[in-house]
Each structure stands twice: as C-alpha cells, then as structure tokens.
Amino acid sequence: MMITFLQNQKTKLILILVLAFIIRLAGISSRPIWYDEAFSILISKQGPSAILHGTLALEIDSSAAEEHPPAYYFMLWGWIQAFENSLISVRMFSIIISLGIILCVYLIAAHLFDPPTAITAAFISAILPFQIHYGQEIRMYVLLTFWLCLATLAFLKRQWILFSIAATLAQYTHNLAAFYLIPLAFTPIFQKDWKTLRSLTLAGFASIMLYLPWLIHLPAQLSKVTNSFWIERPGIEKLFTLILVYLPHLPLPNNLLLPALFIATLTISLAAYQTYCSMKNNLMQAKNGLWLVYLSFTPPLLLLLISQISPIYVERALLPSHAMFCIWLAWAFTKTKLPRPVQIFAFTMIFISALLGFYQHITYKGFPYGPFDRINESIQTRLLPGDTIIHSNKLSYLPSFYFDRKQDQSYIIDPPGSSTDTLSAATRNILRLTDKENIKSASADADRVWFVIYQKSIDELTSHGGKTHPQLEYLDQHFKLESIETWDDLKVYIYKK
C-alpha cells in the first residue's frame, strides 16, 4: 500500500513541494538581509499612495525616482498588513510564491512531456540554489518568475485570457519581463503556427492595453536606469557566470570556482549533446526540448546584447529562464535514451551543484550582507551623549535603519548623478531617512563617531592607488581613532574628538 501511495504522481508532487518548503526555510531568520531587501520592506510599509509617489516622482533630470514598477511592493504591503513585517514573515511571502513556481514547472513539463518528467523537473527546480536563493529573498524576482511561468503555461494551453493577465502582471512587476515575453511571442513564427500567432497577437494587444497606464511612465523609469544605475556593461564573461548561476549559483569560494565550472559545463554540455542527438534522430518531443533551450538561453543573450548599448544585465531577472532550464535538464536526462549509468552520473552532477550552492547560500556573510541587528545592539549599549553613528553609504544604513528606526544614525548620500546615485530624494523623504551631504557635515559637533563601512568599499579605492577611503581620511585628520571592530565584511571605526 505504501509503495502504491508513493507511486502516485500527486503524492510525489506534494512531497517535492514539502521538501522545497523545508529547504527554503533554512536560514529564514538567521541569514542577514541586504540593502535591496531592506528597501523592499521599508517602501512597501508606506502604503500604495507612498509607493506610487516614491516610484513616479521625477528627479531634476526628469528620470523616475524608482526603476521598478509597483506591483510587488503593493502585494508585499498587503502581506505586511496581514502578517506584519518581521523578517520571517516577509521571507515567507517569497517562499510561498516560489512553491507556486515549482507547481508551474510541473504543469508545463507535464503538458510538454509526461508526469514522470514533470516530477523530475519539479524536483530539480526545488533543489537548485538559484531558485532557492531568490525563493527566499525579499525582492520582486520570484514574483516575476511566477507570472512568466504562468504566462508560459497559459500559452501552451492556449488560454489567452489567462496569458494576457499573467503577462500584464509580469510587466507590472518588473520592466525586464519583456525580455522573456518577446522570445515567447516569437514561438508561433518559428513554428509557422499562424492560427496561434493570431490569437497570441490579440492576447498581447490586450496585455499592452492593460499595461498602458504604466507604459506612459516607462520612459522616465528607463531614464533612471540610463542616467544613474550601478550596473556595468557586461562582457563575454557573463556566458561563463551564467553557467555557474544556473547550476551551483554564485558567489562561490575561489577554491570551488573551477570545480563548479567544470561540473556545470559538463552537465550542460551533456544535456546539449542529448538534445542534438534527439533532433538528429527525430525523437518524439525533441522539438519541445529544443524550445526549452530557446527559452533558457535567448533571454540572457538578448539582455547581454542590449546591455552593450545600455547596461541592464541583471542575473536575477533570468530566474524565469532558469525555470525552463530545469525542465530542459529533466527532459534531456530522462527522455533521450541516455544510458542508465550516464543518467545517474548526470543527476549526481546536478545534486553536487545543488549542495555546493546551498551550502554557500546558507553560510555566505560577505558583501553586501552584514549582521546589522547585532551591530545596532552593540553600539546602542555603548552609546554616550555626544556620539553619532555614520554610515559610509546607503548600503549599510538602510538595513540598520530597518532593524532599528529609533536609533539616531545617518549616512552619506551618493555623489549626485553618479552611477551609484539610485536612492532618490523623493524616496528618501518618504522613508524619513537621515542623510548627509558629506562626512564633514555628518560628523560636525560630534564628540565621538561610530563610522560603519564595508571593507569592500575600502578595498575598491585602495586597489586603484588610494591610501585609504576619503571619508576615513577626513576622520583621521579631525578625530583620534580609538578602535576598529570587524563584523563579517563590515568595519566599525570608533573615533573620538
């Protein structure tokens, strides 16, 4: 009876979802948050009106205050109203959406192939670290992936109303949704399926009309990305990091990079070879396998190409393509007449990749993370009248501000118009942040300064020939250094006048 129970496809799917849920619970409260996550919580807490104002307010250069559409922030606000804004609560929101992605992966694979392949695809998406990491992170990428997977399923089932709604919601979640939707929309052209193309065109037009209220604001948001965004122009190296991101995920320790790259390259090469052999031998459903390769790798290549003009290559936005990648691996290693020993070897490589990435996901505490709650508590217990807490920039300030909004602390704003100047004045006002123009004004009249800075910020300047960070140089000249504390990748300098 137990064997029959476990052979049931629904039972297997439920067990995979339970496994995925347990894996994604790991570190839900202990893993540190970073700037983007803190921003998501703080802006969402303000409510719909403030979210819209903080997104659409125009800067001096006529660019929008925020480069992302508001759908995720709206939904997170609703979640916070129902379940509060504790770290566990808001991460649970992402985890639940992540389980929805796995369910979509199963349904897409079942439609393209069969239930056993679908179970394998769901299992792979449950354990690969790229899905786990962003299935826990407090950002919009997991929601974007869910909508685009739902749109893909609706496309396959020719449910055009659902497709229009899902595609629209994806665009309201992230502006880079188009880089997945466009390749998806070209599918009927490649297949010469003109009937589907007509229906898809109408569904796409309906989606654009639903998106129109936000579409008129898109130029201002794109201007934000063009004028002040931290992303550098990607090079050919992104093709290698993509392989690592898709299987073990990044970052990884330096001593594991080459072994991980070898395992990932071998796994993907084997899947590609099996796809080639299937097409050559006209195996049933080989074209579906090739279509999954297309959806797995065309969006990143398209992003890479456009980024040569305007850098917008964000690996997190490739999460939807990675979901298709999971289905492709499942098909390539189960339905292409792969010898059993090689099949076992392939899944062993996937499992090793998952273990490497998951361990790093749980243990990594370097930049841009930090134990901000513990730093706050440590400083608070030793704070004296006349002390001031200054953060070198917003990256450490915002997470600290999330954990303790009552503690008097400030940060130095980014140079206006620079590539790092991404936190607009309108948003700063909405969040009620305490910002200073420079280290001189921030430390004025202070008897003692607690200065918080990432070691990476110091290293970036010293690697280019600088003796030290300019803010530290000013403090060295006007204060006496008492001590330096190390908190993972963060430094706390204590200066006394």
Protein backbone atom coordinates (compact mmCIF):
# COMPACT_ATOMS: atom_id res chain seq x y z
CA MET A 1 0.00 0.00 0.00
CA MET A 2 2.85 2.40 0.89
CA ILE A 3 4.59 1.69 -2.43
CA THR A 4 1.35 2.38 -4.33
CA PHE A 5 0.92 5.59 -2.34
CA LEU A 6 4.40 6.82 -3.25
CA GLN A 7 3.90 5.92 -6.91
CA ASN A 8 1.01 8.39 -7.15
CA GLN A 9 2.08 11.48 -9.10
CA LYS A 10 0.16 13.91 -6.89
CA THR A 11 1.78 12.41 -3.82
CA LYS A 12 5.23 12.81 -5.34
CA LEU A 13 4.47 16.44 -6.23
CA ILE A 14 3.26 17.17 -2.70
CA LEU A 15 6.42 15.60 -1.25
CA ILE A 16 8.57 17.73 -3.56
CA LEU A 17 6.70 20.88 -2.52
CA VAL A 18 7.17 19.95 1.14
CA LEU A 19 10.88 19.34 0.50
CA ALA A 20 11.18 22.68 -1.31
CA PHE A 21 9.40 24.43 1.55
CA ILE A 22 11.74 22.90 4.16
CA ILE A 23 14.85 23.79 2.12
CA ARG A 24 13.67 27.38 1.71
CA LEU A 25 13.04 27.67 5.45
CA ALA A 26 16.76 27.16 6.11
CA GLY A 27 18.22 30.39 7.42
CA ILE A 28 14.93 32.26 7.12
CA SER A 29 15.66 34.23 10.29
CA SER A 30 19.44 33.87 10.62
CA ARG A 31 20.51 34.85 7.09
CA PRO A 32 21.32 38.57 7.02
CA ILE A 33 19.39 40.91 4.77
CA TRP A 34 20.93 43.47 2.46
CA TYR A 35 20.08 46.88 1.03
CA ASP A 36 17.57 45.78 -1.62
CA GLU A 37 15.60 43.64 0.83
CA ALA A 38 15.50 46.42 3.43
CA PHE A 39 14.30 48.83 0.75
CA SER A 40 11.52 46.44 -0.30
CA ILE A 41 10.18 46.23 3.25
CA LEU A 42 10.53 49.91 4.08
CA ILE A 43 8.90 51.23 0.89
CA SER A 44 6.11 48.62 0.98
CA LYS A 45 5.23 49.55 4.57
CA GLN A 46 4.39 53.08 3.48
CA GLY A 47 1.26 52.00 1.57
CA PRO A 48 0.06 52.32 -2.05
CA SER A 49 0.00 56.13 -2.23
CA ALA A 50 3.57 56.49 -0.94
CA ILE A 51 4.75 53.61 -3.15
CA LEU A 52 3.42 55.36 -6.25
CA HIS A 53 4.88 58.71 -5.25
CA GLY A 54 8.22 57.15 -4.38
CA THR A 55 8.24 55.42 -7.75
CA LEU A 56 6.94 58.10 -10.10
CA ALA A 57 8.28 61.35 -8.59
CA LEU A 58 10.55 62.95 -11.17
CA GLU A 59 14.15 63.91 -10.47
CA ILE A 60 15.84 67.05 -11.79
CA ASP A 61 16.91 65.13 -14.91
CA SER A 62 13.26 64.04 -15.47
CA SER A 63 14.03 60.43 -14.60
CA ALA A 64 11.75 58.48 -12.28
CA ALA A 65 12.59 58.12 -8.60
CA GLU A 66 12.47 54.30 -8.78
CA GLU A 67 13.25 51.99 -11.72
CA HIS A 68 10.83 49.18 -10.79
CA PRO A 69 7.06 49.03 -11.30
CA PRO A 70 4.92 48.87 -8.13
CA ALA A 71 3.09 45.51 -8.30
CA TYR A 72 5.46 43.66 -5.99
CA TYR A 73 5.52 46.49 -3.46
CA PHE A 74 1.71 46.61 -3.49
CA MET A 75 1.44 42.88 -2.85
CA LEU A 76 4.11 42.96 -0.15
CA TRP A 77 2.25 45.84 1.52
CA GLY A 78 -0.90 43.69 1.60
CA TRP A 79 1.08 40.80 3.07
CA ILE A 80 2.59 43.06 5.73
CA GLN A 81 -0.86 44.33 6.69
CA ALA A 82 -1.98 40.75 7.22
CA PHE A 83 1.14 39.18 8.72
CA GLU A 84 3.43 42.05 9.93
CA ASN A 85 6.87 42.96 8.61
CA SER A 86 9.16 40.64 10.58
CA LEU A 87 11.97 39.03 8.65
CA ILE A 88 10.36 35.58 8.86
CA SER A 89 7.01 36.91 7.68
CA VAL A 90 8.22 38.80 4.62
CA ARG A 91 10.53 35.98 3.55
CA MET A 92 7.62 33.56 3.88
CA PHE A 93 5.82 35.65 1.24
CA SER A 94 8.62 34.89 -1.25
CA ILE A 95 8.76 31.23 -0.25
CA ILE A 96 5.07 30.68 -0.95
CA ILE A 97 5.41 32.30 -4.37
CA SER A 98 8.43 30.08 -5.01
CA LEU A 99 6.31 26.99 -4.38
CA GLY A 100 3.90 28.34 -6.99
CA ILE A 101 6.80 28.43 -9.47
CA ILE A 102 7.57 24.76 -8.81
CA LEU A 103 3.91 23.91 -9.40
CA CYS A 104 4.01 25.81 -12.72
CA VAL A 105 7.20 23.99 -13.69
CA TYR A 106 5.44 20.68 -13.04
CA LEU A 107 2.38 21.66 -15.11
CA ILE A 108 4.46 22.97 -18.03
CA ALA A 109 6.62 19.82 -18.10
CA ALA A 110 3.56 17.58 -17.84
CA HIS A 111 1.98 19.38 -20.79
CA LEU A 112 5.14 19.20 -22.92
CA PHE A 113 6.15 15.65 -21.97
CA ASP A 114 4.63 13.43 -19.28
CA PRO A 115 4.08 13.28 -15.47
CA PRO A 116 7.37 11.45 -14.65
CA THR A 117 9.38 14.13 -16.49
CA ALA A 118 7.31 16.78 -14.74
CA ILE A 119 8.14 15.27 -11.34
CA THR A 120 11.85 15.33 -12.21
CA ALA A 121 11.63 18.95 -13.38
CA ALA A 122 9.82 19.97 -10.20
CA PHE A 123 12.48 18.23 -8.10
CA ILE A 124 15.32 19.97 -9.94
CA SER A 125 13.68 23.38 -9.53
CA ALA A 126 13.14 22.57 -5.84
CA ILE A 127 16.84 21.94 -5.12
CA LEU A 128 18.84 24.20 -7.44
CA PRO A 129 20.26 27.15 -5.45
CA PHE A 130 19.31 29.87 -7.96
CA GLN A 131 15.64 29.13 -7.29
CA ILE A 132 16.23 28.66 -3.55
CA HIS A 133 18.09 31.93 -3.07
CA TYR A 134 15.52 34.13 -4.78
CA GLY A 135 12.71 31.97 -3.46
CA GLN A 136 13.67 33.39 -0.08
CA GLU A 137 14.85 36.89 -0.94
CA ILE A 138 12.57 39.86 -0.29
CA ARG A 139 12.53 41.15 -3.87
CA MET A 140 10.26 41.02 -6.88
CA TYR A 141 12.16 38.45 -8.97
CA VAL A 142 10.36 35.43 -7.55
CA LEU A 143 7.00 37.09 -8.30
CA LEU A 144 8.18 37.98 -11.82
CA THR A 145 9.11 34.33 -12.36
CA PHE A 146 5.74 33.09 -11.18
CA TRP A 147 3.82 35.38 -13.56
CA LEU A 148 6.03 34.47 -16.53
CA CYS A 149 5.80 30.74 -15.80
CA LEU A 150 2.04 31.14 -15.58
CA ALA A 151 2.06 33.02 -18.89
CA THR A 152 4.09 30.19 -20.45
CA LEU A 153 1.62 27.60 -19.18
CA ALA A 154 -1.31 29.67 -20.49
CA PHE A 155 0.44 29.98 -23.85
CA LEU A 156 0.86 26.21 -24.11
CA LYS A 157 -2.73 25.55 -23.16
CA ARG A 158 -4.00 28.35 -25.44
CA GLN A 159 -5.75 30.05 -22.52
CA TRP A 160 -5.41 33.56 -23.90
CA ILE A 161 -7.26 35.50 -21.21
CA LEU A 162 -5.01 33.98 -18.55
CA PHE A 163 -2.00 34.71 -20.75
CA SER A 164 -2.94 38.39 -21.05
CA ILE A 165 -3.43 38.76 -17.30
CA ALA A 166 -0.22 36.94 -16.37
CA ALA A 167 1.86 38.84 -18.97
CA THR A 168 0.42 42.14 -17.75
CA LEU A 169 1.15 41.37 -14.11
CA ALA A 170 4.69 40.35 -15.05
CA GLN A 171 5.25 43.72 -16.69
CA TYR A 172 3.79 45.49 -13.66
CA THR A 173 6.26 43.51 -11.53
CA HIS A 174 9.49 44.18 -13.44
CA ASN A 175 10.33 46.09 -16.61
CA LEU A 176 12.64 43.29 -17.80
CA ALA A 177 9.65 40.94 -18.20
CA ALA A 178 9.67 41.86 -21.89
CA PHE A 179 12.99 40.08 -22.39
CA TYR A 180 11.24 36.78 -21.69
CA LEU A 181 7.86 37.62 -23.25
CA ILE A 182 9.34 38.68 -26.60
CA PRO A 183 11.13 35.34 -27.26
CA LEU A 184 7.98 33.55 -26.08
CA ALA A 185 5.89 35.59 -28.53
CA PHE A 186 8.17 34.63 -31.45
CA THR A 187 7.45 30.92 -30.91
CA PRO A 188 4.45 30.66 -33.30
CA ILE A 189 6.50 32.38 -36.02
CA PHE A 190 9.30 29.83 -35.75
CA GLN A 191 6.72 27.03 -35.66
CA LYS A 192 4.74 28.58 -38.57
CA ASP A 193 1.63 28.24 -36.44
CA TRP A 194 -0.34 31.16 -37.87
CA LYS A 195 -3.56 30.41 -36.00
CA THR A 196 -1.77 30.56 -32.67
CA LEU A 197 0.06 33.69 -33.81
CA ARG A 198 -3.25 35.47 -34.47
CA SER A 199 -4.60 34.52 -31.06
CA LEU A 200 -1.32 35.45 -29.37
CA THR A 201 -1.28 38.81 -31.13
CA LEU A 202 -4.75 39.63 -29.83
CA ALA A 203 -3.79 38.46 -26.33
CA GLY A 204 -0.61 40.52 -26.50
CA PHE A 205 -2.54 43.59 -27.61
CA ALA A 206 -4.93 43.13 -24.67
CA SER A 207 -1.94 42.84 -22.35
CA ILE A 208 -0.44 46.06 -23.71
CA MET A 209 -3.75 47.88 -23.21
CA LEU A 210 -3.88 46.67 -19.60
CA TYR A 211 -0.29 47.81 -19.17
CA LEU A 212 -0.89 51.18 -20.84
CA PRO A 213 -1.49 53.15 -17.58
CA TRP A 214 2.05 52.28 -16.57
CA LEU A 215 3.57 52.24 -20.04
CA ILE A 216 3.38 56.05 -20.24
CA HIS A 217 5.73 56.21 -17.23
CA LEU A 218 8.22 53.72 -18.69
CA PRO A 219 10.45 56.32 -20.43
CA ALA A 220 11.10 58.08 -17.11
CA GLN A 221 12.00 54.77 -15.49
CA LEU A 222 14.30 53.83 -18.35
CA SER A 223 15.92 57.24 -17.98
CA LYS A 224 16.60 56.37 -14.34
CA VAL A 225 18.46 53.25 -15.47
CA THR A 226 20.38 55.12 -18.16
CA ASN A 227 21.38 58.14 -16.06
CA SER A 228 22.10 56.60 -12.67
CA PHE A 229 22.40 52.89 -12.31
CA TRP A 230 25.13 50.79 -10.77
CA ILE A 231 25.26 48.07 -13.43
CA GLU A 232 28.42 47.95 -15.52
CA ARG A 233 28.48 46.93 -19.17
CA PRO A 234 28.74 43.11 -19.18
CA GLY A 235 31.34 41.27 -21.20
CA ILE A 236 31.69 37.79 -22.65
CA GLU A 237 32.49 36.51 -19.14
CA LYS A 238 28.75 36.59 -18.41
CA LEU A 239 28.36 33.46 -20.54
CA PHE A 240 30.58 31.60 -18.05
CA THR A 241 28.96 33.10 -14.96
CA LEU A 242 25.55 32.21 -16.42
CA ILE A 243 26.55 28.53 -16.41
CA LEU A 244 27.58 28.85 -12.77
CA VAL A 245 24.45 30.79 -11.84
CA TYR A 246 22.16 28.21 -13.45
CA LEU A 247 23.63 25.25 -11.55
CA PRO A 248 25.63 25.89 -8.32
CA HIS A 249 24.81 29.63 -8.28
CA LEU A 250 27.15 32.45 -7.21
CA PRO A 251 29.06 33.62 -5.27
CA LEU A 252 31.33 30.67 -4.54
CA PRO A 253 34.67 30.48 -2.71
CA ASN A 254 37.65 30.87 -5.06
CA ASN A 255 38.81 27.29 -4.45
CA LEU A 256 35.45 25.95 -5.63
CA LEU A 257 35.02 28.08 -8.74
CA LEU A 258 36.96 25.86 -11.16
CA PRO A 259 35.46 22.55 -9.92
CA ALA A 260 31.98 24.10 -10.00
CA LEU A 261 32.52 25.49 -13.50
CA PHE A 262 33.77 22.07 -14.68
CA ILE A 263 30.71 20.29 -13.22
CA ALA A 264 28.28 22.88 -14.60
CA THR A 265 29.88 22.89 -18.06
CA LEU A 266 29.92 19.09 -18.19
CA THR A 267 26.26 18.86 -17.15
CA ILE A 268 25.04 21.45 -19.64
CA SER A 269 27.22 20.04 -22.44
CA LEU A 270 25.77 16.58 -21.86
CA ALA A 271 22.22 17.95 -21.95
CA ALA A 272 23.04 19.88 -25.14
CA TYR A 273 24.52 16.75 -26.76
CA GLN A 274 21.42 14.74 -25.88
CA THR A 275 19.24 17.47 -27.37
CA TYR A 276 21.30 17.41 -30.57
CA CYS A 277 21.04 13.61 -30.81
CA SER A 278 17.30 13.74 -30.22
CA MET A 279 16.80 16.25 -33.02
CA LYS A 280 19.08 14.26 -35.33
CA ASN A 281 17.17 11.03 -34.65
CA ASN A 282 13.76 12.73 -34.80
CA LEU A 283 12.82 11.55 -31.35
CA MET A 284 9.31 12.30 -30.18
CA GLN A 285 9.04 15.67 -28.37
CA ALA A 286 12.60 16.65 -29.35
CA LYS A 287 11.28 19.96 -30.66
CA ASN A 288 9.79 20.68 -27.24
CA GLY A 289 13.21 20.08 -25.73
CA LEU A 290 14.80 22.47 -28.22
CA TRP A 291 12.12 25.06 -27.40
CA LEU A 292 13.12 24.87 -23.74
CA VAL A 293 16.75 25.53 -24.72
CA TYR A 294 15.49 28.57 -26.63
CA LEU A 295 13.62 29.95 -23.60
CA SER A 296 16.51 29.11 -21.28
CA PHE A 297 19.21 30.98 -23.18
CA THR A 298 17.63 33.51 -25.55
CA PRO A 299 16.55 35.99 -22.80
CA PRO A 300 20.07 36.18 -21.27
CA LEU A 301 21.65 36.55 -24.72
CA LEU A 302 19.14 39.26 -25.58
CA LEU A 303 19.86 41.04 -22.30
CA LEU A 304 23.59 40.75 -22.94
CA LEU A 305 23.19 42.25 -26.43
CA ILE A 306 21.04 45.20 -25.31
CA SER A 307 23.41 45.80 -22.38
CA GLN A 308 26.16 46.74 -24.84
CA ILE A 309 24.06 49.86 -25.53
CA SER A 310 22.57 50.44 -22.07
CA PRO A 311 23.74 48.12 -19.25
CA ILE A 312 20.68 46.34 -17.85
CA TYR A 313 22.02 42.81 -17.44
CA VAL A 314 20.64 41.62 -14.08
CA GLU A 315 21.13 37.91 -13.48
CA ARG A 316 18.22 37.83 -11.01
CA ALA A 317 15.88 38.71 -13.87
CA LEU A 318 16.85 35.41 -15.55
CA LEU A 319 15.03 33.37 -12.93
CA PRO A 320 12.10 32.66 -15.34
CA SER A 321 14.52 31.31 -17.95
CA HIS A 322 16.11 29.18 -15.25
CA ALA A 323 12.73 27.58 -14.55
CA MET A 324 12.64 26.48 -18.21
CA PHE A 325 16.25 25.31 -17.82
CA CYS A 326 15.14 22.96 -15.01
CA ILE A 327 12.53 21.40 -17.31
CA TRP A 328 15.08 21.06 -20.10
CA LEU A 329 17.52 19.17 -17.85
CA ALA A 330 14.72 16.87 -16.67
CA TRP A 331 13.79 16.03 -20.26
CA ALA A 332 17.37 15.73 -21.54
CA PHE A 333 18.36 13.25 -18.84
CA THR A 334 15.18 11.14 -18.72
CA LYS A 335 13.63 11.10 -22.22
CA THR A 336 16.55 11.00 -24.65
CA LYS A 337 17.62 7.36 -24.34
CA LEU A 338 20.54 8.20 -22.08
CA PRO A 339 22.29 5.05 -20.77
CA ARG A 340 21.42 4.39 -17.15
CA PRO A 341 24.98 4.86 -15.77
CA VAL A 342 25.33 8.18 -17.61
CA GLN A 343 21.90 9.21 -16.38
CA ILE A 344 22.94 8.52 -12.79
CA PHE A 345 26.16 10.47 -13.39
CA ALA A 346 24.21 13.46 -14.77
CA PHE A 347 21.86 13.65 -11.80
CA THR A 348 24.82 13.24 -9.46
CA MET A 349 26.39 16.32 -11.06
CA ILE A 350 23.16 18.27 -10.56
CA PHE A 351 22.98 17.14 -6.93
CA ILE A 352 26.62 18.11 -6.26
CA SER A 353 25.97 21.53 -7.82
CA ALA A 354 22.93 21.92 -5.58
CA LEU A 355 24.90 21.01 -2.46
CA LEU A 356 27.73 23.43 -3.29
CA GLY A 357 25.38 26.32 -3.92
CA PHE A 358 23.08 25.60 -0.99
CA TYR A 359 25.98 25.47 1.45
CA GLN A 360 27.23 28.82 0.16
CA HIS A 361 23.70 30.25 0.32
CA ILE A 362 23.40 29.37 4.00
CA THR A 363 26.92 30.29 5.12
CA TYR A 364 27.83 33.33 3.00
CA LYS A 365 28.08 36.52 5.07
CA GLY A 366 30.21 38.78 2.89
CA PHE A 367 29.29 41.89 0.91
CA PRO A 368 26.53 43.11 0.61
CA TYR A 369 25.26 41.32 3.74
CA GLY A 370 26.02 42.03 7.37
CA PRO A 371 24.81 41.41 10.96
CA PHE A 372 23.09 44.79 11.09
CA ASP A 373 20.79 43.92 14.00
CA ARG A 374 23.74 42.83 16.18
CA ILE A 375 25.78 45.89 15.21
CA ASN A 376 22.87 48.13 16.21
CA GLU A 377 22.52 46.41 19.59
CA SER A 378 26.27 46.50 20.25
CA ILE A 379 26.56 50.22 19.51
CA GLN A 380 23.39 51.08 21.42
CA THR A 381 24.73 49.57 24.65
CA ARG A 382 27.87 51.74 24.45
CA LEU A 383 26.42 54.96 23.06
CA LEU A 384 27.21 58.12 25.05
CA PRO A 385 25.83 61.68 24.86
CA GLY A 386 27.56 63.49 22.00
CA ASP A 387 28.08 60.28 19.98
CA THR A 388 26.94 59.99 16.39
CA ILE A 389 26.58 56.95 14.11
CA ILE A 390 27.53 57.50 10.47
CA HIS A 391 27.29 55.00 7.62
CA SER A 392 29.63 55.41 4.69
CA ASN A 393 26.71 54.92 2.30
CA LYS A 394 23.14 53.67 1.99
CA LEU A 395 24.12 50.00 1.58
CA SER A 396 24.77 49.53 5.30
CA TYR A 397 22.48 52.30 6.52
CA LEU A 398 19.17 51.02 5.16
CA PRO A 399 19.36 47.50 6.68
CA SER A 400 20.43 49.06 10.01
CA PHE A 401 17.54 51.51 9.74
CA TYR A 402 15.12 48.61 9.13
CA PHE A 403 16.18 46.85 12.34
CA ASP A 404 16.07 49.99 14.48
CA ARG A 405 14.30 53.09 13.15
CA LYS A 406 14.57 54.87 16.52
CA GLN A 407 18.33 54.81 16.73
CA ASP A 408 19.86 58.13 15.65
CA GLN A 409 22.10 57.34 12.69
CA SER A 410 22.83 58.90 9.32
CA TYR A 411 24.58 58.08 6.06
CA ILE A 412 26.49 59.91 3.33
CA ILE A 413 24.50 60.25 0.12
CA ASP A 414 25.98 59.09 -3.17
CA PRO A 415 27.53 61.73 -5.41
CA PRO A 416 24.57 63.25 -7.32
CA GLY A 417 24.36 61.95 -10.87
CA SER A 418 26.85 59.15 -10.26
CA SER A 419 26.22 55.51 -11.22
CA THR A 420 25.51 54.71 -7.55
CA ASP A 421 23.02 57.55 -7.03
CA THR A 422 19.95 55.30 -7.11
CA LEU A 423 18.09 56.37 -3.96
CA SER A 424 16.13 59.47 -4.98
CA ALA A 425 15.39 62.47 -2.77
CA ALA A 426 11.64 61.77 -3.03
CA THR A 427 12.10 58.21 -1.78
CA ARG A 428 14.43 59.34 1.00
CA ASN A 429 11.79 61.77 2.20
CA ILE A 430 9.05 59.12 2.13
CA LEU A 431 11.17 56.72 4.16
CA ARG A 432 12.25 59.52 6.53
CA LEU A 433 15.92 58.73 6.18
CA THR A 434 18.65 60.82 7.76
CA ASP A 435 21.11 61.64 5.02
CA LYS A 436 24.14 63.92 4.96
CA GLU A 437 25.90 65.55 2.05
CA ASN A 438 29.40 64.62 3.19
CA ILE A 439 31.41 63.28 6.11
CA LYS A 440 32.18 66.81 7.33
CA SER A 441 28.53 67.77 7.85
CA ALA A 442 27.70 64.31 9.23
CA SER A 443 30.39 64.48 11.93
CA ALA A 444 30.02 68.17 12.81
CA ASP A 445 29.68 68.80 16.58
CA ALA A 446 30.19 65.10 17.37
CA ASP A 447 32.32 64.16 20.38
CA ARG A 448 32.63 60.59 19.21
CA VAL A 449 31.91 58.98 15.82
CA TRP A 450 30.86 55.39 15.13
CA PHE A 451 31.68 55.01 11.45
CA VAL A 452 30.28 51.97 9.60
CA ILE A 453 31.76 50.97 6.24
CA TYR A 454 32.12 47.84 4.10
CA GLN A 455 35.64 46.51 3.73
CA LYS A 456 34.89 46.20 0.02
CA SER A 457 34.41 49.99 -0.20
CA ILE A 458 37.88 50.48 1.23
CA ASP A 459 39.43 47.79 -0.97
CA GLU A 460 37.93 49.26 -4.16
CA LEU A 461 39.68 52.59 -3.53
CA THR A 462 43.00 51.20 -2.33
CA SER A 463 43.15 48.85 -5.33
CA HIS A 464 43.13 51.94 -7.57
CA GLY A 465 46.09 53.53 -5.80
CA GLY A 466 44.36 55.34 -2.95
CA LYS A 467 45.90 55.17 0.54
CA THR A 468 42.54 54.86 2.24
CA HIS A 469 38.89 55.80 1.87
CA PRO A 470 38.36 59.61 1.67
CA GLN A 471 35.83 59.53 4.49
CA LEU A 472 38.29 57.68 6.71
CA GLU A 473 41.00 60.13 5.69
CA TYR A 474 38.84 63.05 6.89
CA LEU A 475 38.07 61.32 10.19
CA ASP A 476 41.76 60.52 10.70
CA GLN A 477 42.58 64.20 10.27
CA HIS A 478 39.92 65.56 12.63
CA PHE A 479 39.45 62.79 15.20
CA LYS A 480 41.53 60.28 17.11
CA LEU A 481 40.98 56.63 16.24
CA GLU A 482 40.06 54.61 19.35
CA SER A 483 39.38 51.17 17.88
CA ILE A 484 38.26 49.18 14.86
CA GLU A 485 35.69 46.38 15.05
CA THR A 486 35.13 43.75 12.38
CA TRP A 487 31.65 42.35 11.74
CA ASP A 488 31.98 39.91 8.85
CA ASP A 489 32.61 42.20 5.85
CA LEU A 490 31.71 45.37 7.78
CA LYS A 491 34.08 47.61 9.73
CA VAL A 492 33.06 49.86 12.61
CA TYR A 493 35.61 52.62 13.28
CA ILE A 494 35.30 54.43 16.60
CA TYR A 495 36.75 57.94 16.60
CA LYS A 496 36.97 60.42 19.48
CA LYS A 497 37.48 64.17 19.14
